[in-house]
Protein backbone atom coordinates (compact mmCIF):
# COMPACT_ATOMS: atom_id res chain seq x y z
CA MET A 1 0.41 -0.02 -0.16
CA MET A 2 1.59 3.43 -0.79
CA PRO A 3 2.06 5.95 2.10
CA HIS A 4 -0.43 8.50 1.06
CA THR A 5 -2.83 5.90 0.34
CA LYS A 6 -2.45 4.85 4.65
CA VAL A 7 -2.19 8.22 5.29
CA ALA A 8 -5.29 8.97 4.40
CA LYS A 9 -6.73 5.58 5.46
CA LYS A 10 -5.48 6.46 8.74
CA ARG A 11 -7.51 10.27 8.36
CA HIS A 12 -10.41 8.55 7.88
CA ASN A 13 -10.49 6.45 10.65
CA LEU A 14 -9.87 8.95 13.02
CA LEU A 15 -12.30 11.46 11.62
CA PHE A 16 -15.05 9.01 11.77
CA LYS A 17 -13.87 7.88 15.15
CA TYR A 18 -14.25 11.70 16.51
CA ILE A 19 -17.63 11.82 15.07
CA TYR A 20 -18.82 9.17 15.96
CA SER A 21 -17.55 10.04 19.57
CA LEU A 22 -18.94 13.14 19.18
CA ILE A 23 -22.17 12.07 18.33
CA PHE A 24 -22.77 9.57 20.98
CA ALA A 25 -21.17 12.24 23.25
CA VAL A 26 -24.29 14.78 23.11
CA VAL A 27 -26.96 11.68 23.79
CA TYR A 28 -25.10 11.09 26.52
CA ILE A 29 -25.40 14.71 27.87
CA ILE A 30 -29.39 14.65 26.59
CA ALA A 31 -30.22 11.23 27.69
CA SER A 32 -28.31 11.62 31.19
CA PRO A 33 -31.92 13.27 32.97
CA ALA A 34 -33.46 10.33 31.57
CA VAL A 35 -31.68 7.50 32.64
CA ILE A 36 -31.48 8.81 36.46
CA LEU A 37 -34.86 8.87 36.29
CA LEU A 38 -35.27 5.21 35.29
CA SER A 39 -32.44 4.43 37.45
CA LEU A 40 -35.07 4.75 40.06
CA LYS A 41 -36.81 1.70 38.73
CA LYS A 42 -35.69 -1.95 40.20
CA LYS A 43 -35.23 -3.00 36.62
CA TYR A 44 -32.36 -0.76 36.29
CA ARG A 45 -31.01 0.62 40.11
CA TYR A 46 -27.68 -0.94 39.79
CA SER A 47 -26.77 -1.25 35.89
CA LEU A 48 -27.68 2.06 35.00
CA PRO A 49 -26.11 3.66 37.78
CA ALA A 50 -22.79 1.49 36.75
CA ARG A 51 -23.07 2.11 32.86
CA PHE A 52 -23.81 5.29 32.77
CA PHE A 53 -22.54 7.48 35.64
CA LEU A 54 -19.60 4.27 36.54
CA TYR A 55 -21.30 3.94 39.98
CA LYS A 56 -19.00 0.97 41.60
CA ASN A 57 -17.87 0.35 37.96
CA PRO A 58 -14.03 0.52 38.32
CA PRO A 59 -12.07 -0.32 35.72
CA LEU A 60 -10.86 -3.46 34.61
CA SER A 61 -7.50 -4.76 36.12
CA PRO A 62 -5.33 -4.68 32.91
CA ASN A 63 -3.18 -7.31 31.00
CA GLY A 64 -6.21 -9.99 31.10
CA VAL A 65 -8.35 -12.23 28.86
CA TRP A 66 -11.59 -10.07 28.47
CA PHE A 67 -14.86 -10.99 27.63
CA HIS A 68 -17.89 -9.40 27.00
CA LEU A 69 -21.03 -11.02 26.01
CA CYS A 70 -24.72 -9.40 27.10
CA SER A 71 -27.53 -11.79 27.69
CA PHE A 72 -28.14 -14.62 30.36
CA GLY A 73 -27.64 -17.33 28.03
CA GLU A 74 -23.87 -15.93 26.55
CA ALA A 75 -23.34 -15.42 30.35
CA ARG A 76 -23.26 -19.19 30.81
CA ALA A 77 -21.78 -20.16 27.52
CA VAL A 78 -18.27 -18.37 27.76
CA THR A 79 -17.77 -20.82 30.29
CA SER A 80 -16.50 -23.58 26.95
CA LEU A 81 -14.32 -21.04 26.54
CA SER A 82 -13.13 -18.74 30.08
CA GLY A 83 -13.06 -22.68 31.49
CA LYS A 84 -9.28 -23.13 29.44
CA ILE A 85 -7.73 -19.95 30.83
CA GLU A 86 -5.90 -19.24 34.29
CA SER A 87 -8.66 -17.39 36.68
CA ASN A 88 -5.96 -15.16 37.20
CA LEU A 89 -6.08 -13.60 33.99
CA LEU A 90 -9.89 -13.60 33.90
CA ARG A 91 -11.98 -10.52 32.83
CA PHE A 92 -16.03 -10.07 32.09
CA THR A 93 -18.62 -7.17 31.37
CA THR A 94 -21.71 -7.68 30.02
CA THR A 95 -24.22 -5.00 29.65
CA THR A 96 -27.24 -6.79 30.83
CA GLN A 97 -28.66 -7.31 35.39
CA THR A 98 -29.20 -10.70 34.12
CA GLY A 99 -25.82 -11.14 32.62
CA TYR A 100 -24.30 -9.38 35.64
CA SER A 101 -25.72 -12.04 37.67
CA VAL A 102 -23.77 -14.69 35.94
CA ILE A 103 -20.41 -13.37 35.31
CA SER A 104 -20.01 -12.12 39.29
CA SER A 105 -19.65 -15.52 40.16
CA TYR A 106 -16.80 -16.58 37.58
CA SER A 107 -14.80 -13.82 39.12
CA LYS A 108 -14.23 -10.27 41.09
CA GLU A 109 -12.77 -8.88 37.88
CA SER A 110 -16.74 -8.90 36.61
CA ARG A 111 -18.64 -5.45 35.45
CA TYR A 112 -21.24 -3.08 33.50
CA LEU A 113 -19.99 -2.03 30.61
CA PRO A 114 -20.35 1.61 30.43
CA PHE A 115 -21.83 3.64 27.74
CA GLU A 116 -19.37 3.97 24.99
CA PRO A 117 -18.09 7.71 25.35
CA LEU A 118 -17.25 6.77 28.95
CA LEU A 119 -14.46 4.00 27.66
CA TYR A 120 -11.98 6.73 26.73
CA PHE A 121 -10.83 6.86 30.07
CA TRP A 122 -12.39 3.19 31.07
CA ILE A 123 -10.77 0.86 29.53
CA LYS A 124 -7.59 -0.11 30.38
CA PRO A 125 -4.84 -2.43 28.15
CA GLN A 126 -5.98 -6.46 27.96
CA LYS A 127 -4.07 -9.03 25.95
CA VAL A 128 -7.35 -10.16 24.70
CA LEU A 129 -10.56 -9.05 24.43
CA VAL A 130 -13.52 -11.83 23.52
CA VAL A 131 -16.73 -10.02 22.66
CA PHE A 132 -20.27 -12.78 22.39
CA GLU A 133 -22.33 -12.62 19.69
CA ALA A 134 -23.50 -8.94 18.37
CA GLU A 135 -22.62 -7.06 20.93
CA LEU A 136 -20.72 -4.87 18.26
CA TRP A 137 -19.70 -1.54 19.44
CA TYR A 138 -17.54 0.59 17.70
CA LEU A 139 -15.35 2.84 20.30
CA LEU A 140 -15.11 -0.96 22.72
CA PHE A 141 -12.98 -2.54 19.67
CA ALA A 142 -11.36 0.33 18.31
CA ILE A 143 -10.46 1.27 22.21
CA ALA A 144 -9.61 -2.15 23.27
CA LYS A 145 -7.54 -2.57 20.21
CA SER A 146 -5.29 0.87 19.82
CA LYS A 147 -4.91 0.03 23.94
CA GLY A 148 -2.67 -3.29 21.88
CA ALA A 149 -5.42 -6.04 22.73
CA ARG A 150 -5.77 -9.21 20.48
CA THR A 151 -10.04 -8.15 19.55
CA ILE A 152 -12.13 -11.84 18.77
CA LEU A 153 -16.10 -11.82 17.45
CA VAL A 154 -16.78 -15.49 18.57
CA ASN A 155 -20.28 -17.44 18.52
CA ALA A 156 -20.87 -14.42 15.85
CA ARG A 157 -24.45 -14.19 14.02
CA ILE A 158 -27.19 -12.01 11.87
CA SER A 159 -30.32 -13.69 11.81
CA GLU A 160 -31.92 -13.49 7.88
CA LYS A 161 -34.37 -11.21 9.30
CA SER A 162 -32.37 -8.93 10.90
CA TYR A 163 -29.78 -8.36 8.00
CA PRO A 164 -31.34 -5.73 6.07
CA LYS A 165 -31.02 -3.67 9.36
CA TYR A 166 -27.43 -4.07 9.79
CA MET A 167 -27.24 -3.17 6.12
CA ARG A 168 -29.19 -0.10 6.44
CA PHE A 169 -26.06 0.74 9.01
CA ALA A 170 -23.27 -1.42 6.95
CA PHE A 171 -20.94 2.21 6.79
CA VAL A 172 -20.89 2.25 10.32
CA TYR A 173 -20.10 -1.74 10.98
CA LYS A 174 -16.86 -1.88 8.13
CA GLU A 175 -15.60 0.97 10.87
CA ILE A 176 -16.19 -2.01 13.32
CA PHE A 177 -14.80 -4.85 11.79
CA LYS A 178 -11.80 -2.88 10.69
CA TYR A 179 -10.78 -2.85 14.70
CA ILE A 180 -12.10 -7.60 14.68
CA ASP A 181 -8.51 -9.08 14.33
CA SER A 182 -10.50 -12.34 14.11
CA VAL A 183 -14.82 -13.68 13.25
CA TYR A 184 -15.87 -17.35 14.67
CA ALA A 185 -19.25 -17.75 13.22
CA GLN A 186 -21.97 -19.64 13.78
CA THR A 187 -22.72 -20.71 10.57
CA GLU A 188 -22.08 -20.54 6.88
CA ASP A 189 -24.80 -18.37 6.34
CA ASP A 190 -23.85 -15.87 9.04
CA SER A 191 -20.52 -15.71 8.00
CA LYS A 192 -21.59 -14.28 4.29
CA ARG A 193 -23.72 -11.90 6.16
CA LEU A 194 -20.87 -10.95 8.52
CA ALA A 195 -17.73 -10.36 6.17
CA SER A 196 -20.29 -7.98 3.65
CA LEU A 197 -20.35 -5.94 6.70
CA GLY A 198 -16.42 -5.94 6.76
CA ALA A 199 -15.55 -9.04 8.66
CA LYS A 200 -12.09 -10.82 8.49
CA ASN A 201 -10.57 -13.97 9.02
CA ILE A 202 -13.83 -15.78 9.43
CA LYS A 203 -13.96 -19.32 11.01
CA ILE A 204 -16.93 -21.61 11.58
CA CYS A 205 -17.17 -22.44 15.48
CA GLY A 206 -21.07 -23.29 15.45
CA ASN A 207 -22.87 -22.49 18.40
CA LEU A 208 -21.13 -22.33 21.79
CA LYS A 209 -24.31 -22.71 23.51
CA PHE A 210 -23.79 -26.82 22.83
CA ALA A 211 -20.74 -26.55 24.39
CA SER A 212 -22.09 -25.75 27.86
CA ILE A 213 -25.30 -26.71 28.68
CA PRO A 214 -25.99 -25.51 32.37
CA GLU A 215 -26.85 -28.86 34.22
CA PRO A 216 -29.33 -29.08 37.22
CA ASN A 217 -27.10 -28.10 40.53
CA ARG A 218 -29.61 -29.84 42.75
CA ARG A 219 -32.35 -32.37 42.57
CA LEU A 220 -36.06 -31.27 42.55
CA GLU A 221 -38.37 -33.88 43.77
CA LYS A 222 -40.99 -34.47 40.68
CA PRO A 223 -45.01 -34.12 42.03
CA ASP A 224 -47.17 -36.48 40.40
CA GLY A 225 -48.89 -35.45 37.13
CA LEU A 226 -48.00 -34.49 34.33
CA ILE A 227 -45.55 -31.67 34.44
CA VAL A 228 -45.23 -28.57 31.82
CA THR A 229 -42.80 -26.06 32.18
CA ALA A 230 -42.95 -22.51 30.09
CA GLY A 231 -39.99 -21.71 30.58
CA SER A 232 -38.65 -17.80 30.10
CA THR A 233 -41.99 -16.01 29.26
CA HIS A 234 -42.30 -12.59 28.20
CA GLU A 235 -44.59 -9.84 28.20
CA GLY A 236 -48.22 -11.56 26.67
CA GLU A 237 -47.16 -14.98 26.67
CA GLU A 238 -48.86 -15.94 30.02
CA GLU A 239 -52.00 -15.43 28.58
CA ILE A 240 -51.78 -17.30 25.49
CA ILE A 241 -49.67 -20.33 27.84
CA LEU A 242 -52.12 -20.23 30.63
CA LYS A 243 -55.05 -20.45 27.91
CA ALA A 244 -54.11 -23.59 26.63
CA PHE A 245 -53.21 -25.20 29.96
CA ALA A 246 -57.10 -24.86 31.05
CA LYS A 247 -57.64 -27.02 27.78
CA LEU A 248 -55.06 -29.67 29.15
CA LYS A 249 -56.51 -28.98 32.47
CA ASN A 250 -59.35 -30.60 31.23
CA GLU A 251 -57.81 -33.68 29.77
CA GLU A 252 -55.50 -34.26 32.50
CA SER A 253 -56.87 -32.78 36.03
CA ARG A 254 -53.62 -34.21 37.00
CA ALA A 255 -51.41 -31.69 34.91
CA ARG A 256 -49.39 -28.92 36.70
CA LEU A 257 -47.75 -26.08 35.07
CA ILE A 258 -44.95 -24.39 35.85
CA VAL A 259 -44.65 -20.56 35.43
CA ILE A 260 -40.71 -18.94 35.11
CA PRO A 261 -40.86 -15.50 33.83
CA ARG A 262 -37.73 -14.70 32.10
CA HIS A 263 -36.66 -11.21 33.59
CA PRO A 264 -37.20 -11.22 37.76
CA GLU A 265 -38.98 -8.28 37.85
CA ARG A 266 -41.60 -9.12 36.05
CA PHE A 267 -42.63 -11.62 38.76
CA GLU A 268 -45.06 -9.22 40.57
CA LYS A 269 -47.18 -8.75 37.71
CA VAL A 270 -46.87 -12.47 36.49
CA HIS A 271 -48.05 -13.75 40.21
CA SER A 272 -50.73 -10.92 39.77
CA ILE A 273 -52.11 -12.60 36.29
CA ILE A 274 -51.53 -16.29 37.46
CA SER A 275 -53.68 -15.73 40.65
CA GLU A 276 -56.61 -14.56 38.87
CA PHE A 277 -56.06 -17.27 36.61
CA ALA A 278 -56.26 -20.02 39.29
CA ARG A 279 -59.23 -17.99 40.96
CA ASP A 280 -61.58 -18.02 38.15
CA ASN A 281 -60.59 -21.07 37.20
CA HIS A 282 -60.52 -22.54 41.09
CA LEU A 283 -57.17 -23.63 40.36
CA SER A 284 -54.75 -23.97 43.19
CA PHE A 285 -51.18 -21.92 42.95
CA ALA A 286 -48.24 -21.38 45.02
CA LYS A 287 -44.92 -18.93 44.61
CA PHE A 288 -41.81 -20.75 44.24
CA SER A 289 -40.21 -18.44 46.61
CA GLU A 290 -42.56 -19.94 49.21
CA ASP A 291 -43.76 -23.17 49.19
CA GLU A 292 -40.94 -25.55 46.74
CA ARG A 293 -42.88 -28.76 47.23
CA LEU A 294 -44.53 -28.34 43.52
CA ASP A 295 -47.89 -29.65 44.36
CA ARG A 296 -50.33 -27.23 43.37
CA ASP A 297 -52.25 -26.76 39.57
CA ILE A 298 -49.72 -23.69 38.96
CA ILE A 299 -46.92 -23.11 40.44
CA LEU A 300 -44.61 -19.31 39.61
CA ILE A 301 -40.69 -20.17 39.75
CA ASP A 302 -39.90 -16.10 41.45
CA LYS A 303 -36.37 -17.42 41.67
CA MET A 304 -33.77 -17.02 39.42
CA GLY A 305 -31.13 -19.80 38.78
CA GLU A 306 -33.70 -22.63 38.44
CA SER A 307 -34.65 -23.12 34.94
CA VAL A 308 -32.53 -26.22 34.03
CA ASN A 309 -33.65 -27.90 37.75
CA LEU A 310 -37.05 -27.95 36.55
CA TYR A 311 -36.41 -29.06 32.92
CA ALA A 312 -35.12 -32.12 34.57
CA ILE A 313 -38.37 -33.10 36.08
CA SER A 314 -40.58 -32.16 33.08
CA ASP A 315 -42.57 -33.90 30.83
CA ILE A 316 -43.18 -30.95 28.30
CA VAL A 317 -41.20 -27.53 28.23
CA ILE A 318 -43.15 -24.54 26.27
CA LEU A 319 -40.49 -22.55 25.30
CA GLY A 320 -41.18 -18.46 25.85
CA GLY A 321 -40.05 -15.84 23.74
CA ALA A 322 -41.51 -16.98 20.48
CA PHE A 323 -44.95 -16.55 20.73
CA VAL A 324 -44.75 -13.05 20.28
CA PRO A 325 -41.81 -11.23 18.18
CA VAL A 326 -38.86 -11.19 20.73
CA GLY A 327 -36.95 -14.28 18.66
CA GLY A 328 -36.76 -17.36 20.80
CA HIS A 329 -34.16 -18.69 23.66
CA ASN A 330 -31.77 -21.60 24.29
CA ALA A 331 -33.79 -24.73 23.96
CA ALA A 332 -30.67 -26.73 24.89
CA GLU A 333 -31.14 -26.95 28.54
CA ALA A 334 -34.23 -28.77 28.03
CA ALA A 335 -33.30 -30.64 25.21
CA GLN A 336 -30.94 -32.32 27.12
CA PHE A 337 -33.39 -34.26 29.08
CA GLY A 338 -35.32 -35.21 25.59
CA CYS A 339 -38.53 -33.71 27.09
CA LYS A 340 -41.18 -32.66 24.43
CA ILE A 341 -40.43 -29.34 23.88
CA ILE A 342 -43.54 -26.60 22.14
CA SER A 343 -41.90 -23.19 20.49
CA GLY A 344 -43.72 -20.15 19.36
CA GLU A 345 -43.28 -19.14 15.69
CA TYR A 346 -40.81 -16.62 16.10
CA TYR A 347 -37.83 -18.16 17.05
CA PHE A 348 -35.58 -16.06 13.98
CA ASN A 349 -32.74 -15.36 16.65
CA GLN A 350 -32.50 -19.15 17.93
CA LYS A 351 -32.90 -21.12 13.91
CA GLU A 352 -28.99 -22.08 13.77
CA LEU A 353 -29.68 -24.06 17.70
CA PHE A 354 -32.85 -24.84 17.21
CA GLY A 355 -31.51 -26.34 13.98
CA GLY A 356 -29.14 -28.67 16.31
CA ILE A 357 -31.76 -30.40 18.09
CA GLU A 358 -34.46 -32.86 17.05
CA GLY A 359 -38.56 -32.84 17.79
CA ILE A 360 -38.57 -28.60 18.71
CA VAL A 361 -42.75 -28.26 17.77
CA ILE A 362 -43.47 -25.02 16.40
CA SER A 363 -46.23 -23.37 17.39
CA THR A 364 -48.37 -20.19 16.90
CA ALA A 365 -50.14 -18.74 19.59
CA GLU A 366 -53.67 -19.86 18.53
CA ASP A 367 -52.75 -23.65 18.00
CA LEU A 368 -50.78 -24.34 21.26
CA ASN A 369 -53.94 -24.84 23.23
CA LYS A 370 -54.48 -28.09 20.54
CA LYS A 371 -51.11 -28.73 20.93
CA LEU A 372 -50.88 -29.11 24.34
CA VAL A 373 -54.22 -31.15 24.50
CA ASP A 374 -52.79 -33.32 21.82
CA TYR A 375 -49.21 -33.83 23.59
CA LYS A 376 -49.06 -37.26 23.24
CA SER A 377 -47.75 -37.34 19.47
CA LEU A 378 -45.73 -35.20 20.13
CA PRO A 379 -42.14 -36.18 20.05
CA ASN A 380 -38.95 -36.40 22.79
CA THR A 381 -36.29 -34.03 21.42
CA ARG A 382 -33.02 -34.83 21.25
CA ILE A 383 -29.67 -32.47 20.65
CA LYS A 384 -27.81 -33.72 17.44
CA ALA A 385 -25.59 -30.75 17.28
CA LYS A 386 -22.03 -30.00 18.54
CA ALA A 387 -20.18 -26.69 18.99
CA THR A 388 -17.25 -27.15 16.93
CA GLY A 389 -14.50 -23.95 17.27
CA ILE A 390 -13.99 -24.18 21.13
CA ASP A 391 -9.91 -25.80 20.51
CA ASP A 392 -9.84 -22.95 18.25
CA ILE A 393 -10.71 -19.76 19.69
CA VAL A 394 -8.44 -20.71 22.73
CA GLU A 395 -5.26 -21.47 20.59
CA GLU A 396 -5.75 -18.41 19.46
CA ILE A 397 -6.21 -16.97 22.79
CA GLU A 398 -3.32 -18.64 24.14
CA SER A 399 -0.72 -17.56 21.24
CA VAL A 400 -1.37 -13.78 22.36
CA LEU A 401 -1.04 -15.17 25.64
CA GLN A 402 3.04 -16.63 24.70
CA TYR A 403 4.50 -12.76 24.24
């Protein structure tokens, strides 16, 4: 490359960085009053002050292997990589409360990722930055790279549904990928979409969520009757599932429904929905935090970290996040036990993962009652896929640590 071309590229990169930083600095100033108000809500009481005002959120110690992720599922999946790295080198960040609840148990070096303009003076030099899936923050990669980190994007995916949205801002993603050294995509289709946005050094790794499926941490006593568990439910889904369960209950008097809301801040609202439904339909109801016997018609799980323990004793799992257009959730946690699984039709963020599991039944919200009543004809599930790129990712990380 000619010297004047290199200079022009450097000037372009700096100009983009300054303009991007200025825009988000203005956003930060304008949004701060609203953020302060939102911080009063229980859901954001810790995460927003930490992310926007660095409250009790000091920088990570330098010279480590920094894993950044978002969701609860990613926080679980990261152990397939972090478990192979020396514990004193581990650093973790997340942007969600549910993600933080997991990573904080892995290391004291766990933080909420600050809002982008704050990263200039928050990020310390790290040896490696490993980012999960779609956490494509420009300044995260640009600043980490400028401070000497090897930058790696793992379990990368872009769904067919979301791809047009990415393409509208392709010019931004092309700038982001300039600072990403390696990309490990879930599928060949993901690889092609990522390449069109500027990704380089792409390998196929499968889905890392198959490599670290959580196992039960305690054994629950399975009650009598048919056990139906509605896992990771979102706003609007409990009503759909309760209506379908009422139909099943008419056919199977000993059927029991366990409801696990995705987000803890919804526990009280879901409690209100279920208690009203139970009263109107003359059904018994209990909160798991008050009674763990699981001997009522409907049980609300209002404690975090119990999903896999309950899937282990379930006959049928209705997987939430897909009866409303959220994108679906990880089915592997339930499928490892070979139970029957019903998902809604909006599972667009989980196509690769669902493709690795045999037997998942897809249903519309309207047809859920029919599928549930006809449960005997539903197949049992079986996991058939594996993550394939773990050794390659770990080898790349270790190659950096050797210097």
